[in-house]
Amino acid sequence: MHMRVKVTDQGVIVPKRFLKGIKEVEICKDHKRILVLPITDDPIAALGSQPIADDITDASEQHDAYLCSR
């Protein structure tokens, strides 16, 4: 979807419908384009942030087996 908007002294306003579900964006200038890119949480960075208590002592070695058996 494309839309033309006027550039004011403050810049431009991006319509909210373009940003549905997005909480934060990164704005970049690349050659002749200006990009507005959504910033998403990296799920890899959150690994281990909510560990669970369990009696399993070999989870790091056997994680595939435990994931497939549950």
PDB file of N, CA and C in Angstrom:
ATOM      1  N   MET A   1       0.850  -1.172   0.000  1.00  0.00           N
ATOM      2  CA  MET A   1       0.000   0.000   0.000  1.00  0.00           C
ATOM      3  C   MET A   1       0.896   1.235   0.000  1.00  0.00           C
ATOM      4  N   HIS A   2       0.610   2.144  -0.874  1.00  0.00           N
ATOM      5  CA  HIS A   2       1.362   3.389  -0.965  1.00  0.00           C
ATOM      6  C   HIS A   2       0.458   4.558  -0.629  1.00  0.00           C
ATOM      7  N   MET A   3       1.085   5.633  -0.146  1.00  0.00           N
ATOM      8  CA  MET A   3       0.323   6.826   0.207  1.00  0.00           C
ATOM      9  C   MET A   3       1.262   8.028   0.073  1.00  0.00           C
ATOM     10  N   ARG A   4       0.748   9.122  -0.416  1.00  0.00           N
ATOM     11  CA  ARG A   4       1.526  10.357  -0.492  1.00  0.00           C
ATOM     12  C   ARG A   4       1.128  11.254   0.675  1.00  0.00           C
ATOM     13  N   VAL A   5       2.134  11.812   1.341  1.00  0.00           N
ATOM     14  CA  VAL A   5       1.873  12.754   2.432  1.00  0.00           C
ATOM     15  C   VAL A   5       2.818  13.936   2.288  1.00  0.00           C
ATOM     16  N   LYS A   6       2.408  15.066   2.804  1.00  0.00           N
ATOM     17  CA  LYS A   6       3.228  16.282   2.768  1.00  0.00           C
ATOM     18  C   LYS A   6       4.258  16.255   3.887  1.00  0.00           C
ATOM     19  N   VAL A   7       5.438  16.740   3.613  1.00  0.00           N
ATOM     20  CA  VAL A   7       6.486  16.889   4.617  1.00  0.00           C
ATOM     21  C   VAL A   7       6.314  18.267   5.243  1.00  0.00           C
ATOM     22  N   THR A   8       6.161  18.293   6.569  1.00  0.00           N
ATOM     23  CA  THR A   8       6.012  19.557   7.295  1.00  0.00           C
ATOM     24  C   THR A   8       7.318  19.910   7.986  1.00  0.00           C
ATOM     25  N   ASP A   9       7.317  20.966   8.767  1.00  0.00           N
ATOM     26  CA  ASP A   9       8.507  21.342   9.532  1.00  0.00           C
ATOM     27  C   ASP A   9       8.898  20.256  10.531  1.00  0.00           C
ATOM     28  N   GLN A  10       7.914  19.479  11.010  1.00  0.00           N
ATOM     29  CA  GLN A  10       8.176  18.400  11.964  1.00  0.00           C
ATOM     30  C   GLN A  10       8.490  17.074  11.277  1.00  0.00           C
ATOM     31  N   GLY A  11       8.284  16.955   9.983  1.00  0.00           N
ATOM     32  CA  GLY A  11       8.528  15.705   9.267  1.00  0.00           C
ATOM     33  C   GLY A  11       7.241  15.189   8.654  1.00  0.00           C
ATOM     34  N   VAL A  12       7.007  13.886   8.740  1.00  0.00           N
ATOM     35  CA  VAL A  12       5.782  13.286   8.207  1.00  0.00           C
ATOM     36  C   VAL A  12       5.109  12.462   9.292  1.00  0.00           C
ATOM     37  N   ILE A  13       3.823  12.240   9.122  1.00  0.00           N
ATOM     38  CA  ILE A  13       3.075  11.396  10.038  1.00  0.00           C
ATOM     39  C   ILE A  13       2.769  10.093   9.308  1.00  0.00           C
ATOM     40  N   VAL A  14       3.134   8.984   9.929  1.00  0.00           N
ATOM     41  CA  VAL A  14       2.847   7.661   9.379  1.00  0.00           C
ATOM     42  C   VAL A  14       1.485   7.233   9.918  1.00  0.00           C
ATOM     43  N   PRO A  15       0.546   6.877   9.039  1.00  0.00           N
ATOM     44  CA  PRO A  15      -0.773   6.465   9.511  1.00  0.00           C
ATOM     45  C   PRO A  15      -0.702   5.262  10.447  1.00  0.00           C
ATOM     46  N   LYS A  16      -1.507   5.302  11.500  1.00  0.00           N
ATOM     47  CA  LYS A  16      -1.514   4.255  12.519  1.00  0.00           C
ATOM     48  C   LYS A  16      -1.829   2.889  11.927  1.00  0.00           C
ATOM     49  N   ARG A  17      -2.642   2.828  10.885  1.00  0.00           N
ATOM     50  CA  ARG A  17      -2.991   1.529  10.304  1.00  0.00           C
ATOM     51  C   ARG A  17      -1.771   0.833   9.701  1.00  0.00           C
ATOM     52  N   PHE A  18      -0.724   1.583   9.374  1.00  0.00           N
ATOM     53  CA  PHE A  18       0.514   0.979   8.882  1.00  0.00           C
ATOM     54  C   PHE A  18       1.319   0.362  10.018  1.00  0.00           C
ATOM     55  N   LEU A  19       1.009   0.745  11.250  1.00  0.00           N
ATOM     56  CA  LEU A  19       1.810   0.341  12.402  1.00  0.00           C
ATOM     57  C   LEU A  19       1.051  -0.584  13.351  1.00  0.00           C
ATOM     58  N   LYS A  20       0.028  -1.243  12.864  1.00  0.00           N
ATOM     59  CA  LYS A  20      -0.792  -2.112  13.712  1.00  0.00           C
ATOM     60  C   LYS A  20       0.076  -3.178  14.395  1.00  0.00           C
ATOM     61  N   GLY A  21       0.004  -3.223  15.722  1.00  0.00           N
ATOM     62  CA  GLY A  21       0.742  -4.213  16.499  1.00  0.00           C
ATOM     63  C   GLY A  21       2.217  -3.897  16.697  1.00  0.00           C
ATOM     64  N   ILE A  22       2.678  -2.778  16.195  1.00  0.00           N
ATOM     65  CA  ILE A  22       4.092  -2.412  16.317  1.00  0.00           C
ATOM     66  C   ILE A  22       4.245  -1.400  17.442  1.00  0.00           C
ATOM     67  N   LYS A  23       5.201  -1.652  18.339  1.00  0.00           N
ATOM     68  CA  LYS A  23       5.410  -0.762  19.484  1.00  0.00           C
ATOM     69  C   LYS A  23       6.582   0.193  19.278  1.00  0.00           C
ATOM     70  N   GLU A  24       7.537  -0.191  18.429  1.00  0.00           N
ATOM     71  CA  GLU A  24       8.726   0.628  18.233  1.00  0.00           C
ATOM     72  C   GLU A  24       9.244   0.408  16.815  1.00  0.00           C
ATOM     73  N   VAL A  25       9.762   1.472  16.187  1.00  0.00           N
ATOM     74  CA  VAL A  25      10.310   1.363  14.839  1.00  0.00           C
ATOM     75  C   VAL A  25      11.710   1.953  14.797  1.00  0.00           C
ATOM     76  N   GLU A  26      12.440   1.540  13.790  1.00  0.00           N
ATOM     77  CA  GLU A  26      13.751   2.110  13.484  1.00  0.00           C
ATOM     78  C   GLU A  26      13.596   2.848  12.159  1.00  0.00           C
ATOM     79  N   ILE A  27      14.115   4.058  12.076  1.00  0.00           N
ATOM     80  CA  ILE A  27      14.038   4.844  10.854  1.00  0.00           C
ATOM     81  C   ILE A  27      15.438   4.965  10.284  1.00  0.00           C
ATOM     82  N   CYS A  28      15.593   4.555   9.013  1.00  0.00           N
ATOM     83  CA  CYS A  28      16.899   4.545   8.359  1.00  0.00           C
ATOM     84  C   CYS A  28      16.814   5.265   7.019  1.00  0.00           C
ATOM     85  N   LYS A  29      17.898   5.890   6.618  1.00  0.00           N
ATOM     86  CA  LYS A  29      17.990   6.461   5.278  1.00  0.00           C
ATOM     87  C   LYS A  29      18.980   5.620   4.502  1.00  0.00           C
ATOM     88  N   ASP A  30      18.522   5.078   3.370  1.00  0.00           N
ATOM     89  CA  ASP A  30      19.331   4.175   2.556  1.00  0.00           C
ATOM     90  C   ASP A  30      19.290   4.682   1.120  1.00  0.00           C
ATOM     91  N   HIS A  31      20.361   5.317   0.659  1.00  0.00           N
ATOM     92  CA  HIS A  31      20.428   5.906  -0.682  1.00  0.00           C
ATOM     93  C   HIS A  31      19.282   6.897  -0.856  1.00  0.00           C
ATOM     94  N   LYS A  32      18.342   6.595  -1.731  1.00  0.00           N
ATOM     95  CA  LYS A  32      17.234   7.520  -1.985  1.00  0.00           C
ATOM     96  C   LYS A  32      15.952   7.126  -1.275  1.00  0.00           C
ATOM     97  N   ARG A  33      16.047   6.172  -0.342  1.00  0.00           N
ATOM     98  CA  ARG A  33      14.856   5.691   0.359  1.00  0.00           C
ATOM     99  C   ARG A  33      14.962   5.981   1.851  1.00  0.00           C
ATOM    100  N   ILE A  34      13.822   6.202   2.460  1.00  0.00           N
ATOM    101  CA  ILE A  34      13.729   6.298   3.915  1.00  0.00           C
ATOM    102  C   ILE A  34      12.911   5.089   4.348  1.00  0.00           C
ATOM    103  N   LEU A  35      13.468   4.285   5.234  1.00  0.00           N
ATOM    104  CA  LEU A  35      12.821   3.058   5.666  1.00  0.00           C
ATOM    105  C   LEU A  35      12.333   3.190   7.094  1.00  0.00           C
ATOM    106  N   VAL A  36      11.122   2.725   7.350  1.00  0.00           N
ATOM    107  CA  VAL A  36      10.568   2.641   8.700  1.00  0.00           C
ATOM    108  C   VAL A  36      10.399   1.145   8.967  1.00  0.00           C
ATOM    109  N   LEU A  37      11.262   0.606   9.824  1.00  0.00           N
ATOM    110  CA  LEU A  37      11.300  -0.830  10.068  1.00  0.00           C
ATOM    111  C   LEU A  37      10.840  -1.154  11.482  1.00  0.00           C
ATOM    112  N   PRO A  38       9.930  -2.116  11.628  1.00  0.00           N
ATOM    113  CA  PRO A  38       9.490  -2.490  12.979  1.00  0.00           C
ATOM    114  C   PRO A  38      10.626  -3.156  13.741  1.00  0.00           C
ATOM    115  N   ILE A  39      10.713  -2.850  15.021  1.00  0.00           N
ATOM    116  CA  ILE A  39      11.681  -3.498  15.900  1.00  0.00           C
ATOM    117  C   ILE A  39      10.935  -4.615  16.614  1.00  0.00           C
ATOM    118  N   THR A  40      11.426  -5.818  16.433  1.00  0.00           N
ATOM    119  CA  THR A  40      10.783  -6.964  17.056  1.00  0.00           C
ATOM    120  C   THR A  40      11.683  -7.513  18.148  1.00  0.00           C
ATOM    121  N   ASP A  41      11.072  -8.099  19.146  1.00  0.00           N
ATOM    122  CA  ASP A  41      11.847  -8.726  20.204  1.00  0.00           C
ATOM    123  C   ASP A  41      12.525  -9.960  19.641  1.00  0.00           C
ATOM    124  N   ASP A  42      13.778 -10.145  19.999  1.00  0.00           N
ATOM    125  CA  ASP A  42      14.527 -11.308  19.555  1.00  0.00           C
ATOM    126  C   ASP A  42      14.257 -12.451  20.523  1.00  0.00           C
ATOM    127  N   PRO A  43      13.555 -13.500  20.098  1.00  0.00           N
ATOM    128  CA  PRO A  43      13.228 -14.582  21.022  1.00  0.00           C
ATOM    129  C   PRO A  43      14.472 -15.305  21.551  1.00  0.00           C
ATOM    130  N   ILE A  44      15.548 -15.296  20.794  1.00  0.00           N
ATOM    131  CA  ILE A  44      16.787 -15.940  21.246  1.00  0.00           C
ATOM    132  C   ILE A  44      17.349 -15.207  22.465  1.00  0.00           C
ATOM    133  N   ALA A  45      17.223 -13.885  22.486  1.00  0.00           N
ATOM    134  CA  ALA A  45      17.745 -13.106  23.618  1.00  0.00           C
ATOM    135  C   ALA A  45      16.988 -13.414  24.909  1.00  0.00           C
ATOM    136  N   ALA A  46      15.758 -13.904  24.806  1.00  0.00           N
ATOM    137  CA  ALA A  46      14.952 -14.176  25.993  1.00  0.00           C
ATOM    138  C   ALA A  46      15.140 -15.594  26.533  1.00  0.00           C
ATOM    139  N   LEU A  47      15.894 -16.417  25.828  1.00  0.00           N
ATOM    140  CA  LEU A  47      16.098 -17.786  26.310  1.00  0.00           C
ATOM    141  C   LEU A  47      16.725 -17.783  27.699  1.00  0.00           C
ATOM    142  N   GLY A  48      16.186 -18.567  28.564  1.00  0.00           N
ATOM    143  CA  GLY A  48      16.714 -18.667  29.923  1.00  0.00           C
ATOM    144  C   GLY A  48      16.235 -17.579  30.857  1.00  0.00           C
ATOM    145  N   SER A  49      15.422 -16.656  30.364  1.00  0.00           N
ATOM    146  CA  SER A  49      14.967 -15.567  31.229  1.00  0.00           C
ATOM    147  C   SER A  49      13.867 -16.017  32.189  1.00  0.00           C
ATOM    148  N   GLN A  50      13.198 -17.125  31.879  1.00  0.00           N
ATOM    149  CA  GLN A  50      12.155 -17.662  32.743  1.00  0.00           C
ATOM    150  C   GLN A  50      12.371 -19.162  32.926  1.00  0.00           C
ATOM    151  N   PRO A  51      13.432 -19.538  33.623  1.00  0.00           N
ATOM    152  CA  PRO A  51      13.688 -20.965  33.806  1.00  0.00           C
ATOM    153  C   PRO A  51      12.609 -21.613  34.680  1.00  0.00           C
ATOM    154  N   ILE A  52      12.441 -22.909  34.498  1.00  0.00           N
ATOM    155  CA  ILE A  52      11.469 -23.637  35.303  1.00  0.00           C
ATOM    156  C   ILE A  52      12.199 -24.557  36.263  1.00  0.00           C
ATOM    157  N   ALA A  53      11.579 -24.842  37.378  1.00  0.00           N
ATOM    158  CA  ALA A  53      12.153 -25.781  38.343  1.00  0.00           C
ATOM    159  C   ALA A  53      11.676 -27.179  37.972  1.00  0.00           C
ATOM    160  N   ASP A  54      12.614 -28.115  37.875  1.00  0.00           N
ATOM    161  CA  ASP A  54      12.274 -29.488  37.517  1.00  0.00           C
ATOM    162  C   ASP A  54      13.371 -30.399  38.058  1.00  0.00           C
ATOM    163  N   ASP A  55      13.080 -31.681  38.121  1.00  0.00           N
ATOM    164  CA  ASP A  55      14.060 -32.644  38.612  1.00  0.00           C
ATOM    165  C   ASP A  55      14.996 -33.144  37.520  1.00  0.00           C
ATOM    166  N   ILE A  56      14.852 -32.634  36.313  1.00  0.00           N
ATOM    167  CA  ILE A  56      15.697 -33.080  35.202  1.00  0.00           C
ATOM    168  C   ILE A  56      17.087 -32.474  35.378  1.00  0.00           C
ATOM    169  N   THR A  57      18.094 -33.315  35.346  1.00  0.00           N
ATOM    170  CA  THR A  57      19.466 -32.836  35.535  1.00  0.00           C
ATOM    171  C   THR A  57      20.279 -32.837  34.240  1.00  0.00           C
ATOM    172  N   ASP A  58      19.751 -33.453  33.182  1.00  0.00           N
ATOM    173  CA  ASP A  58      20.505 -33.526  31.930  1.00  0.00           C
ATOM    174  C   ASP A  58      19.776 -32.821  30.782  1.00  0.00           C
ATOM    175  N   ALA A  59      19.023 -31.797  31.101  1.00  0.00           N
ATOM    176  CA  ALA A  59      18.219 -31.112  30.085  1.00  0.00           C
ATOM    177  C   ALA A  59      19.082 -30.509  28.982  1.00  0.00           C
ATOM    178  N   SER A  60      20.252 -29.998  29.300  1.00  0.00           N
ATOM    179  CA  SER A  60      21.077 -29.393  28.264  1.00  0.00           C
ATOM    180  C   SER A  60      21.583 -30.429  27.274  1.00  0.00           C
ATOM    181  N   GLU A  61      21.843 -31.650  27.726  1.00  0.00           N
ATOM    182  CA  GLU A  61      22.322 -32.690  26.818  1.00  0.00           C
ATOM    183  C   GLU A  61      21.176 -33.376  26.085  1.00  0.00           C
ATOM    184  N   GLN A  62      20.007 -33.473  26.718  1.00  0.00           N
ATOM    185  CA  GLN A  62      18.893 -34.248  26.175  1.00  0.00           C
ATOM    186  C   GLN A  62      17.689 -33.392  25.794  1.00  0.00           C
ATOM    187  N   HIS A  63      17.908 -32.103  25.514  1.00  0.00           N
ATOM    188  CA  HIS A  63      16.765 -31.216  25.288  1.00  0.00           C
ATOM    189  C   HIS A  63      15.881 -31.666  24.124  1.00  0.00           C
ATOM    190  N   ASP A  64      16.462 -32.182  23.030  1.00  0.00           N
ATOM    191  CA  ASP A  64      15.632 -32.645  21.910  1.00  0.00           C
ATOM    192  C   ASP A  64      14.723 -33.790  22.331  1.00  0.00           C
ATOM    193  N   ALA A  65      15.254 -34.721  23.072  1.00  0.00           N
ATOM    194  CA  ALA A  65      14.464 -35.869  23.518  1.00  0.00           C
ATOM    195  C   ALA A  65      13.323 -35.409  24.433  1.00  0.00           C
ATOM    196  N   TYR A  66      13.592 -34.464  25.335  1.00  0.00           N
ATOM    197  CA  TYR A  66      12.536 -33.974  26.224  1.00  0.00           C
ATOM    198  C   TYR A  66      11.470 -33.175  25.483  1.00  0.00           C
ATOM    199  N   LEU A  67      11.889 -32.382  24.509  1.00  0.00           N
ATOM    200  CA  LEU A  67      10.914 -31.598  23.752  1.00  0.00           C
ATOM    201  C   LEU A  67       9.996 -32.485  22.925  1.00  0.00           C
ATOM    202  N   CYS A  68      10.535 -33.520  22.352  1.00  0.00           N
ATOM    203  CA  CYS A  68       9.734 -34.405  21.497  1.00  0.00           C
ATOM    204  C   CYS A  68       8.837 -35.333  22.320  1.00  0.00           C
ATOM    205  N   SER A  69       9.186 -35.586  23.566  1.00  0.00           N
ATOM    206  CA  SER A  69       8.395 -36.526  24.361  1.00  0.00           C
ATOM    207  C   SER A  69       7.248 -35.847  25.097  1.00  0.00           C
ATOM    208  N   ARG A  70       7.188 -34.537  25.089  1.00  0.00           N
ATOM    209  CA  ARG A  70       6.134 -33.833  25.829  1.00  0.00           C
ATOM    210  C   ARG A  70       5.005 -33.410  24.947  1.00  0.00           C
TER     211      ARG A  70
END
